[in-house]
Amino acid sequence: LLAGSDQVLIFLDDTSLLSRHAESMTLATLGRFSAS
């Protein structure tokens, strides 16, 4: 939380959100590829 502090912030990244973001990027790339 602060430099030298004993309190810790834990961030939990949901992998399903990351997967959907990766899917959207993949679909955008696939759209360009499919058009070609």
PDB file of all heavy atoms in Angstrom:
ATOM      1  N   LEU A   1       0.826  -1.198   0.000  1.00  0.00           N
ATOM      2  CA  LEU A   1       0.000   0.000   0.000  1.00  0.00           C
ATOM      3  C   LEU A   1       0.861   1.248   0.000  1.00  0.00           C
ATOM      4  O   LEU A   1       0.611   2.202  -0.737  1.00  0.00           O
ATOM      5  CB  LEU A   1      -0.937  -0.015   1.212  1.00  0.00           C
ATOM      6  CG  LEU A   1      -1.926   1.148   1.327  1.00  0.00           C
ATOM      7  CD1 LEU A   1      -2.868   1.170   0.139  1.00  0.00           C
ATOM      8  CD2 LEU A   1      -2.724   1.048   2.619  1.00  0.00           C
ATOM      9  N   LEU A   2       1.891   1.260   0.837  1.00  0.00           N
ATOM     10  CA  LEU A   2       2.882   2.339   0.879  1.00  0.00           C
ATOM     11  C   LEU A   2       4.254   1.709   0.998  1.00  0.00           C
ATOM     12  O   LEU A   2       4.396   0.548   1.394  1.00  0.00           O
ATOM     13  CB  LEU A   2       2.619   3.284   2.067  1.00  0.00           C
ATOM     14  CG  LEU A   2       1.295   4.063   2.076  1.00  0.00           C
ATOM     15  CD1 LEU A   2       1.119   4.790   3.395  1.00  0.00           C
ATOM     16  CD2 LEU A   2       1.243   5.048   0.912  1.00  0.00           C
ATOM     17  N   ALA A   3       5.261   2.488   0.641  1.00  0.00           N
ATOM     18  CA  ALA A   3       6.627   1.981   0.747  1.00  0.00           C
ATOM     19  C   ALA A   3       6.932   1.652   2.207  1.00  0.00           C
ATOM     20  O   ALA A   3       6.791   2.496   3.092  1.00  0.00           O
ATOM     21  CB  ALA A   3       7.615   3.014   0.206  1.00  0.00           C
ATOM     22  N   GLY A   4       7.362   0.445   2.450  1.00  0.00           N
ATOM     23  CA  GLY A   4       7.675   0.008   3.811  1.00  0.00           C
ATOM     24  C   GLY A   4       6.470  -0.372   4.639  1.00  0.00           C
ATOM     25  O   GLY A   4       6.616  -0.691   5.831  1.00  0.00           O
ATOM     26  N   SER A   5       5.265  -0.346   4.051  1.00  0.00           N
ATOM     27  CA  SER A   5       4.057  -0.673   4.802  1.00  0.00           C
ATOM     28  C   SER A   5       3.868  -2.190   4.850  1.00  0.00           C
ATOM     29  O   SER A   5       4.272  -2.922   3.947  1.00  0.00           O
ATOM     30  CB  SER A   5       2.844  -0.011   4.156  1.00  0.00           C
ATOM     31  OG  SER A   5       1.652  -0.441   4.783  1.00  0.00           O
ATOM     32  N   ASP A   6       3.231  -2.644   5.927  1.00  0.00           N
ATOM     33  CA  ASP A   6       2.909  -4.068   6.058  1.00  0.00           C
ATOM     34  C   ASP A   6       1.593  -4.416   5.393  1.00  0.00           C
ATOM     35  O   ASP A   6       1.258  -5.599   5.261  1.00  0.00           O
ATOM     36  CB  ASP A   6       2.847  -4.454   7.548  1.00  0.00           C
ATOM     37  CG  ASP A   6       4.218  -4.409   8.200  1.00  0.00           C
ATOM     38  OD1 ASP A   6       5.205  -4.669   7.502  1.00  0.00           O
ATOM     39  OD2 ASP A   6       4.296  -4.092   9.401  1.00  0.00           O
ATOM     40  N   GLN A   7       0.839  -3.408   4.993  1.00  0.00           N
ATOM     41  CA  GLN A   7      -0.431  -3.655   4.322  1.00  0.00           C
ATOM     42  C   GLN A   7      -0.186  -3.868   2.830  1.00  0.00           C
ATOM     43  O   GLN A   7       0.598  -3.145   2.204  1.00  0.00           O
ATOM     44  CB  GLN A   7      -1.392  -2.500   4.543  1.00  0.00           C
ATOM     45  CG  GLN A   7      -1.851  -2.357   5.991  1.00  0.00           C
ATOM     46  CD  GLN A   7      -2.874  -1.253   6.151  1.00  0.00           C
ATOM     47  OE1 GLN A   7      -2.805  -0.231   5.495  1.00  0.00           O
ATOM     48  NE2 GLN A   7      -3.830  -1.467   7.036  1.00  0.00           N
ATOM     49  N   VAL A   8      -0.877  -4.859   2.274  1.00  0.00           N
ATOM     50  CA  VAL A   8      -0.647  -5.275   0.890  1.00  0.00           C
ATOM     51  C   VAL A   8      -1.961  -5.197   0.125  1.00  0.00           C
ATOM     52  O   VAL A   8      -3.015  -5.606   0.624  1.00  0.00           O
ATOM     53  CB  VAL A   8      -0.084  -6.714   0.832  1.00  0.00           C
ATOM     54  CG1 VAL A   8       0.103  -7.156  -0.617  1.00  0.00           C
ATOM     55  CG2 VAL A   8       1.232  -6.799   1.580  1.00  0.00           C
ATOM     56  N   LEU A   9      -1.868  -4.641  -1.079  1.00  0.00           N
ATOM     57  CA  LEU A   9      -2.986  -4.653  -2.001  1.00  0.00           C
ATOM     58  C   LEU A   9      -2.862  -5.862  -2.922  1.00  0.00           C
ATOM     59  O   LEU A   9      -1.795  -6.092  -3.497  1.00  0.00           O
ATOM     60  CB  LEU A   9      -3.018  -3.378  -2.836  1.00  0.00           C
ATOM     61  CG  LEU A   9      -3.604  -2.127  -2.182  1.00  0.00           C
ATOM     62  CD1 LEU A   9      -3.396  -0.918  -3.075  1.00  0.00           C
ATOM     63  CD2 LEU A   9      -5.083  -2.310  -1.879  1.00  0.00           C
ATOM     64  N   ILE A  10      -3.928  -6.626  -3.032  1.00  0.00           N
ATOM     65  CA  ILE A  10      -3.956  -7.800  -3.907  1.00  0.00           C
ATOM     66  C   ILE A  10      -4.955  -7.523  -5.025  1.00  0.00           C
ATOM     67  O   ILE A  10      -6.132  -7.250  -4.760  1.00  0.00           O
ATOM     68  CB  ILE A  10      -4.360  -9.070  -3.140  1.00  0.00           C
ATOM     69  CG1 ILE A  10      -3.426  -9.293  -1.943  1.00  0.00           C
ATOM     70  CG2 ILE A  10      -4.338 -10.276  -4.067  1.00  0.00           C
ATOM     71  CD1 ILE A  10      -3.813 -10.494  -1.093  1.00  0.00           C
ATOM     72  N   PHE A  11      -4.482  -7.566  -6.263  1.00  0.00           N
ATOM     73  CA  PHE A  11      -5.342  -7.393  -7.429  1.00  0.00           C
ATOM     74  C   PHE A  11      -5.606  -8.767  -8.036  1.00  0.00           C
ATOM     75  O   PHE A  11      -4.670  -9.517  -8.320  1.00  0.00           O
ATOM     76  CB  PHE A  11      -4.681  -6.477  -8.462  1.00  0.00           C
ATOM     77  CG  PHE A  11      -4.437  -5.089  -7.957  1.00  0.00           C
ATOM     78  CD1 PHE A  11      -3.213  -4.739  -7.403  1.00  0.00           C
ATOM     79  CD2 PHE A  11      -5.424  -4.126  -8.026  1.00  0.00           C
ATOM     80  CE1 PHE A  11      -2.975  -3.467  -6.931  1.00  0.00           C
ATOM     81  CE2 PHE A  11      -5.206  -2.843  -7.559  1.00  0.00           C
ATOM     82  CZ  PHE A  11      -3.970  -2.511  -7.010  1.00  0.00           C
ATOM     83  N   LEU A  12      -6.885  -9.078  -8.231  1.00  0.00           N
ATOM     84  CA  LEU A  12      -7.306 -10.366  -8.780  1.00  0.00           C
ATOM     85  C   LEU A  12      -7.844 -10.135 -10.182  1.00  0.00           C
ATOM     86  O   LEU A  12      -8.939  -9.585 -10.355  1.00  0.00           O
ATOM     87  CB  LEU A  12      -8.376 -11.004  -7.886  1.00  0.00           C
ATOM     88  CG  LEU A  12      -7.990 -11.200  -6.409  1.00  0.00           C
ATOM     89  CD1 LEU A  12      -9.169 -11.747  -5.622  1.00  0.00           C
ATOM     90  CD2 LEU A  12      -6.789 -12.126  -6.285  1.00  0.00           C
ATOM     91  N   ASP A  13      -7.075 -10.523 -11.188  1.00  0.00           N
ATOM     92  CA  ASP A  13      -7.477 -10.355 -12.584  1.00  0.00           C
ATOM     93  C   ASP A  13      -8.254 -11.585 -13.038  1.00  0.00           C
ATOM     94  O   ASP A  13      -7.735 -12.708 -13.020  1.00  0.00           O
ATOM     95  CB  ASP A  13      -6.248 -10.156 -13.479  1.00  0.00           C
ATOM     96  CG  ASP A  13      -5.503  -8.875 -13.139  1.00  0.00           C
ATOM     97  OD1 ASP A  13      -6.186  -7.889 -12.827  1.00  0.00           O
ATOM     98  OD2 ASP A  13      -4.257  -8.866 -13.186  1.00  0.00           O
ATOM     99  N   ASP A  14      -9.495 -11.362 -13.420  1.00  0.00           N
ATOM    100  CA  ASP A  14     -10.359 -12.437 -13.894  1.00  0.00           C
ATOM    101  C   ASP A  14      -9.874 -12.894 -15.271  1.00  0.00           C
ATOM    102  O   ASP A  14      -9.843 -12.107 -16.226  1.00  0.00           O
ATOM    103  CB  ASP A  14     -11.803 -11.933 -13.972  1.00  0.00           C
ATOM    104  CG  ASP A  14     -12.791 -13.059 -14.255  1.00  0.00           C
ATOM    105  OD1 ASP A  14     -12.343 -14.165 -14.594  1.00  0.00           O
ATOM    106  OD2 ASP A  14     -13.997 -12.819 -14.135  1.00  0.00           O
ATOM    107  N   THR A  15      -9.489 -14.158 -15.363  1.00  0.00           N
ATOM    108  CA  THR A  15      -8.973 -14.662 -16.641  1.00  0.00           C
ATOM    109  C   THR A  15     -10.052 -14.710 -17.719  1.00  0.00           C
ATOM    110  O   THR A  15      -9.740 -14.637 -18.903  1.00  0.00           O
ATOM    111  CB  THR A  15      -8.377 -16.068 -16.455  1.00  0.00           C
ATOM    112  OG1 THR A  15      -9.382 -16.933 -15.887  1.00  0.00           O
ATOM    113  CG2 THR A  15      -7.179 -16.022 -15.541  1.00  0.00           C
ATOM    114  N   SER A  16     -11.326 -14.820 -17.314  1.00  0.00           N
ATOM    115  CA  SER A  16     -12.385 -14.837 -18.325  1.00  0.00           C
ATOM    116  C   SER A  16     -12.479 -13.493 -19.035  1.00  0.00           C
ATOM    117  O   SER A  16     -12.726 -13.434 -20.244  1.00  0.00           O
ATOM    118  CB  SER A  16     -13.725 -15.189 -17.677  1.00  0.00           C
ATOM    119  OG  SER A  16     -14.092 -14.227 -16.698  1.00  0.00           O
ATOM    120  N   LEU A  17     -12.259 -12.387 -18.277  1.00  0.00           N
ATOM    121  CA  LEU A  17     -12.254 -11.077 -18.915  1.00  0.00           C
ATOM    122  C   LEU A  17     -11.081 -10.945 -19.869  1.00  0.00           C
ATOM    123  O   LEU A  17     -11.205 -10.398 -20.969  1.00  0.00           O
ATOM    124  CB  LEU A  17     -12.208  -9.976 -17.848  1.00  0.00           C
ATOM    125  CG  LEU A  17     -13.388  -9.914 -16.876  1.00  0.00           C
ATOM    126  CD1 LEU A  17     -13.165  -8.805 -15.858  1.00  0.00           C
ATOM    127  CD2 LEU A  17     -14.683  -9.680 -17.631  1.00  0.00           C
ATOM    128  N   LEU A  18      -9.921 -11.451 -19.424  1.00  0.00           N
ATOM    129  CA  LEU A  18      -8.753 -11.399 -20.295  1.00  0.00           C
ATOM    130  C   LEU A  18      -8.984 -12.251 -21.539  1.00  0.00           C
ATOM    131  O   LEU A  18      -8.569 -11.869 -22.643  1.00  0.00           O
ATOM    132  CB  LEU A  18      -7.516 -11.886 -19.530  1.00  0.00           C
ATOM    133  CG  LEU A  18      -7.124 -11.082 -18.288  1.00  0.00           C
ATOM    134  CD1 LEU A  18      -5.931 -11.727 -17.595  1.00  0.00           C
ATOM    135  CD2 LEU A  18      -6.803  -9.644 -18.666  1.00  0.00           C
ATOM    136  N   SER A  19      -9.646 -13.395 -21.364  1.00  0.00           N
ATOM    137  CA  SER A  19      -9.913 -14.258 -22.513  1.00  0.00           C
ATOM    138  C   SER A  19     -10.846 -13.576 -23.503  1.00  0.00           C
ATOM    139  O   SER A  19     -10.644 -13.641 -24.719  1.00  0.00           O
ATOM    140  CB  SER A  19     -10.519 -15.580 -22.044  1.00  0.00           C
ATOM    141  OG  SER A  19      -9.623 -16.264 -21.187  1.00  0.00           O
ATOM    142  N   ARG A  20     -11.887 -12.901 -22.970  1.00  0.00           N
ATOM    143  CA  ARG A  20     -12.798 -12.214 -23.874  1.00  0.00           C
ATOM    144  C   ARG A  20     -12.104 -11.070 -24.603  1.00  0.00           C
ATOM    145  O   ARG A  20     -12.384 -10.813 -25.783  1.00  0.00           O
ATOM    146  CB  ARG A  20     -14.012 -11.700 -23.089  1.00  0.00           C
ATOM    147  CG  ARG A  20     -15.011 -12.784 -22.744  1.00  0.00           C
ATOM    148  CD  ARG A  20     -16.340 -12.195 -22.335  1.00  0.00           C
ATOM    149  NE  ARG A  20     -16.280 -11.542 -21.046  1.00  0.00           N
ATOM    150  CZ  ARG A  20     -16.503 -12.163 -19.894  1.00  0.00           C
ATOM    151  NH1 ARG A  20     -16.800 -13.442 -19.876  1.00  0.00           N
ATOM    152  NH2 ARG A  20     -16.452 -11.498 -18.756  1.00  0.00           N
ATOM    153  N   HIS A  21     -11.200 -10.377 -23.891  1.00  0.00           N
ATOM    154  CA  HIS A  21     -10.453  -9.317 -24.559  1.00  0.00           C
ATOM    155  C   HIS A  21      -9.571  -9.900 -25.661  1.00  0.00           C
ATOM    156  O   HIS A  21      -9.479  -9.334 -26.764  1.00  0.00           O
ATOM    157  CB  HIS A  21      -9.600  -8.573 -23.535  1.00  0.00           C
ATOM    158  CG  HIS A  21      -8.796  -7.452 -24.112  1.00  0.00           C
ATOM    159  ND1 HIS A  21      -9.368  -6.332 -24.676  1.00  0.00           N
ATOM    160  CD2 HIS A  21      -7.456  -7.296 -24.225  1.00  0.00           C
ATOM    161  CE1 HIS A  21      -8.420  -5.529 -25.111  1.00  0.00           C
ATOM    162  NE2 HIS A  21      -7.252  -6.081 -24.855  1.00  0.00           N
ATOM    163  N   ALA A  22      -8.926 -11.039 -25.366  1.00  0.00           N
ATOM    164  CA  ALA A  22      -8.092 -11.676 -26.387  1.00  0.00           C
ATOM    165  C   ALA A  22      -8.950 -12.157 -27.556  1.00  0.00           C
ATOM    166  O   ALA A  22      -8.541 -12.063 -28.724  1.00  0.00           O
ATOM    167  CB  ALA A  22      -7.317 -12.841 -25.766  1.00  0.00           C
ATOM    168  N   GLU A  23     -10.157 -12.663 -27.234  1.00  0.00           N
ATOM    169  CA  GLU A  23     -11.047 -13.111 -28.299  1.00  0.00           C
ATOM    170  C   GLU A  23     -11.462 -11.958 -29.200  1.00  0.00           C
ATOM    171  O   GLU A  23     -11.528 -12.089 -30.425  1.00  0.00           O
ATOM    172  CB  GLU A  23     -12.282 -13.778 -27.696  1.00  0.00           C
ATOM    173  CG  GLU A  23     -12.008 -15.158 -27.106  1.00  0.00           C
ATOM    174  CD  GLU A  23     -13.233 -15.721 -26.418  1.00  0.00           C
ATOM    175  OE1 GLU A  23     -14.283 -15.018 -26.436  1.00  0.00           O
ATOM    176  OE2 GLU A  23     -13.166 -16.824 -25.871  1.00  0.00           O
ATOM    177  N   SER A  24     -11.752 -10.805 -28.584  1.00  0.00           N
ATOM    178  CA  SER A  24     -12.145  -9.658 -29.405  1.00  0.00           C
ATOM    179  C   SER A  24     -11.018  -9.226 -30.320  1.00  0.00           C
ATOM    180  O   SER A  24     -11.247  -8.885 -31.488  1.00  0.00           O
ATOM    181  CB  SER A  24     -12.572  -8.498 -28.503  1.00  0.00           C
ATOM    182  OG  SER A  24     -11.489  -8.052 -27.707  1.00  0.00           O
ATOM    183  N   MET A  25      -9.779  -9.262 -29.800  1.00  0.00           N
ATOM    184  CA  MET A  25      -8.641  -8.921 -30.650  1.00  0.00           C
ATOM    185  C   MET A  25      -8.469  -9.964 -31.754  1.00  0.00           C
ATOM    186  O   MET A  25      -8.180  -9.624 -32.915  1.00  0.00           O
ATOM    187  CB  MET A  25      -7.376  -8.824 -29.795  1.00  0.00           C
ATOM    188  CG  MET A  25      -7.399  -7.694 -28.778  1.00  0.00           C
ATOM    189  SD  MET A  25      -5.895  -7.633 -27.773  1.00  0.00           S
ATOM    190  CE  MET A  25      -4.668  -7.324 -29.034  1.00  0.00           C
ATOM    191  N   THR A  26      -8.655 -11.230 -31.384  1.00  0.00           N
ATOM    192  CA  THR A  26      -8.524 -12.290 -32.387  1.00  0.00           C
ATOM    193  C   THR A  26      -9.594 -12.172 -33.457  1.00  0.00           C
ATOM    194  O   THR A  26      -9.329 -12.361 -34.655  1.00  0.00           O
ATOM    195  CB  THR A  26      -8.603 -13.660 -31.701  1.00  0.00           C
ATOM    196  OG1 THR A  26      -7.609 -13.736 -30.679  1.00  0.00           O
ATOM    197  CG2 THR A  26      -8.379 -14.785 -32.704  1.00  0.00           C
ATOM    198  N   LEU A  27     -10.834 -11.853 -33.022  1.00  0.00           N
ATOM    199  CA  LEU A  27     -11.911 -11.707 -33.993  1.00  0.00           C
ATOM    200  C   LEU A  27     -11.671 -10.527 -34.925  1.00  0.00           C
ATOM    201  O   LEU A  27     -12.008 -10.576 -36.109  1.00  0.00           O
ATOM    202  CB  LEU A  27     -13.242 -11.539 -33.262  1.00  0.00           C
ATOM    203  CG  LEU A  27     -13.784 -12.789 -32.582  1.00  0.00           C
ATOM    204  CD1 LEU A  27     -15.029 -12.452 -31.787  1.00  0.00           C
ATOM    205  CD2 LEU A  27     -14.069 -13.874 -33.602  1.00  0.00           C
ATOM    206  N   ALA A  28     -11.116  -9.451 -34.382  1.00  0.00           N
ATOM    207  CA  ALA A  28     -10.803  -8.313 -35.249  1.00  0.00           C
ATOM    208  C   ALA A  28      -9.765  -8.705 -36.289  1.00  0.00           C
ATOM    209  O   ALA A  28      -9.888  -8.367 -37.477  1.00  0.00           O
ATOM    210  CB  ALA A  28     -10.304  -7.146 -34.402  1.00  0.00           C
ATOM    211  N   THR A  29      -8.746  -9.452 -35.822  1.00  0.00           N
ATOM    212  CA  THR A  29      -7.735  -9.926 -36.779  1.00  0.00           C
ATOM    213  C   THR A  29      -8.339 -10.915 -37.765  1.00  0.00           C
ATOM    214  O   THR A  29      -8.037 -10.887 -38.971  1.00  0.00           O
ATOM    215  CB  THR A  29      -6.580 -10.590 -36.015  1.00  0.00           C
ATOM    216  OG1 THR A  29      -6.070  -9.670 -35.056  1.00  0.00           O
ATOM    217  CG2 THR A  29      -5.464 -11.001 -36.958  1.00  0.00           C
ATOM    218  N   LEU A  30      -9.233 -11.794 -37.242  1.00  0.00           N
ATOM    219  CA  LEU A  30      -9.868 -12.776 -38.118  1.00  0.00           C
ATOM    220  C   LEU A  30     -10.751 -12.097 -39.159  1.00  0.00           C
ATOM    221  O   LEU A  30     -10.846 -12.554 -40.302  1.00  0.00           O
ATOM    222  CB  LEU A  30     -10.702 -13.741 -37.276  1.00  0.00           C
ATOM    223  CG  LEU A  30     -11.429 -14.851 -38.049  1.00  0.00           C
ATOM    224  CD1 LEU A  30     -10.431 -15.762 -38.730  1.00  0.00           C
ATOM    225  CD2 LEU A  30     -12.329 -15.638 -37.115  1.00  0.00           C
ATOM    226  N   GLY A  31     -11.403 -10.999 -38.769  1.00  0.00           N
ATOM    227  CA  GLY A  31     -12.228 -10.288 -39.731  1.00  0.00           C
ATOM    228  C   GLY A  31     -11.404  -9.768 -40.894  1.00  0.00           C
ATOM    229  O   GLY A  31     -11.807  -9.898 -42.067  1.00  0.00           O
ATOM    230  N   ARG A  32     -10.244  -9.192 -40.591  1.00  0.00           N
ATOM    231  CA  ARG A  32      -9.384  -8.720 -41.675  1.00  0.00           C
ATOM    232  C   ARG A  32      -8.851  -9.881 -42.505  1.00  0.00           C
ATOM    233  O   ARG A  32      -8.767  -9.811 -43.737  1.00  0.00           O
ATOM    234  CB  ARG A  32      -8.227  -7.905 -41.089  1.00  0.00           C
ATOM    235  CG  ARG A  32      -8.669  -6.599 -40.420  1.00  0.00           C
ATOM    236  CD  ARG A  32      -7.484  -5.732 -40.086  1.00  0.00           C
ATOM    237  NE  ARG A  32      -6.640  -6.338 -39.059  1.00  0.00           N
ATOM    238  CZ  ARG A  32      -6.795  -6.120 -37.755  1.00  0.00           C
ATOM    239  NH1 ARG A  32      -7.775  -5.326 -37.328  1.00  0.00           N
ATOM    240  NH2 ARG A  32      -5.994  -6.689 -36.881  1.00  0.00           N
ATOM    241  N   PHE A  33      -8.504 -10.977 -41.801  1.00  0.00           N
ATOM    242  CA  PHE A  33      -7.979 -12.141 -42.526  1.00  0.00           C
ATOM    243  C   PHE A  33      -9.052 -12.781 -43.405  1.00  0.00           C
ATOM    244  O   PHE A  33      -8.794 -13.157 -44.556  1.00  0.00           O
ATOM    245  CB  PHE A  33      -7.435 -13.155 -41.529  1.00  0.00           C
ATOM    246  CG  PHE A  33      -7.063 -14.475 -42.150  1.00  0.00           C
ATOM    247  CD1 PHE A  33      -5.920 -14.603 -42.926  1.00  0.00           C
ATOM    248  CD2 PHE A  33      -7.876 -15.591 -41.967  1.00  0.00           C
ATOM    249  CE1 PHE A  33      -5.588 -15.809 -43.499  1.00  0.00           C
ATOM    250  CE2 PHE A  33      -7.546 -16.802 -42.542  1.00  0.00           C
ATOM    251  CZ  PHE A  33      -6.396 -16.915 -43.308  1.00  0.00           C
ATOM    252  N   SER A  34     -10.278 -12.910 -42.842  1.00  0.00           N
ATOM    253  CA  SER A  34     -11.351 -13.545 -43.613  1.00  0.00           C
ATOM    254  C   SER A  34     -11.704 -12.718 -44.843  1.00  0.00           C
ATOM    255  O   SER A  34     -12.020 -13.268 -45.903  1.00  0.00           O
ATOM    256  CB  SER A  34     -12.582 -13.736 -42.723  1.00  0.00           C
ATOM    257  OG  SER A  34     -13.056 -12.492 -42.258  1.00  0.00           O
ATOM    258  N   ALA A  35     -11.670 -11.392 -44.690  1.00  0.00           N
ATOM    259  CA  ALA A  35     -11.945 -10.546 -45.856  1.00  0.00           C
ATOM    260  C   ALA A  35     -10.906 -10.775 -46.948  1.00  0.00           C
ATOM    261  O   ALA A  35     -11.242 -10.882 -48.134  1.00  0.00           O
ATOM    262  CB  ALA A  35     -11.979  -9.079 -45.437  1.00  0.00           C
ATOM    263  N   SER A  36      -9.649 -10.857 -46.525  1.00  0.00           N
ATOM    264  CA  SER A  36      -8.591 -11.106 -47.515  1.00  0.00           C
ATOM    265  C   SER A  36      -8.720 -12.489 -48.130  1.00  0.00           C
ATOM    266  O   SER A  36      -8.588 -12.662 -49.351  1.00  0.00           O
ATOM    267  CB  SER A  36      -7.217 -10.940 -46.848  1.00  0.00           C
ATOM    268  OG  SER A  36      -6.180 -11.257 -47.752  1.00  0.00           O
TER     269      SER A  36
END
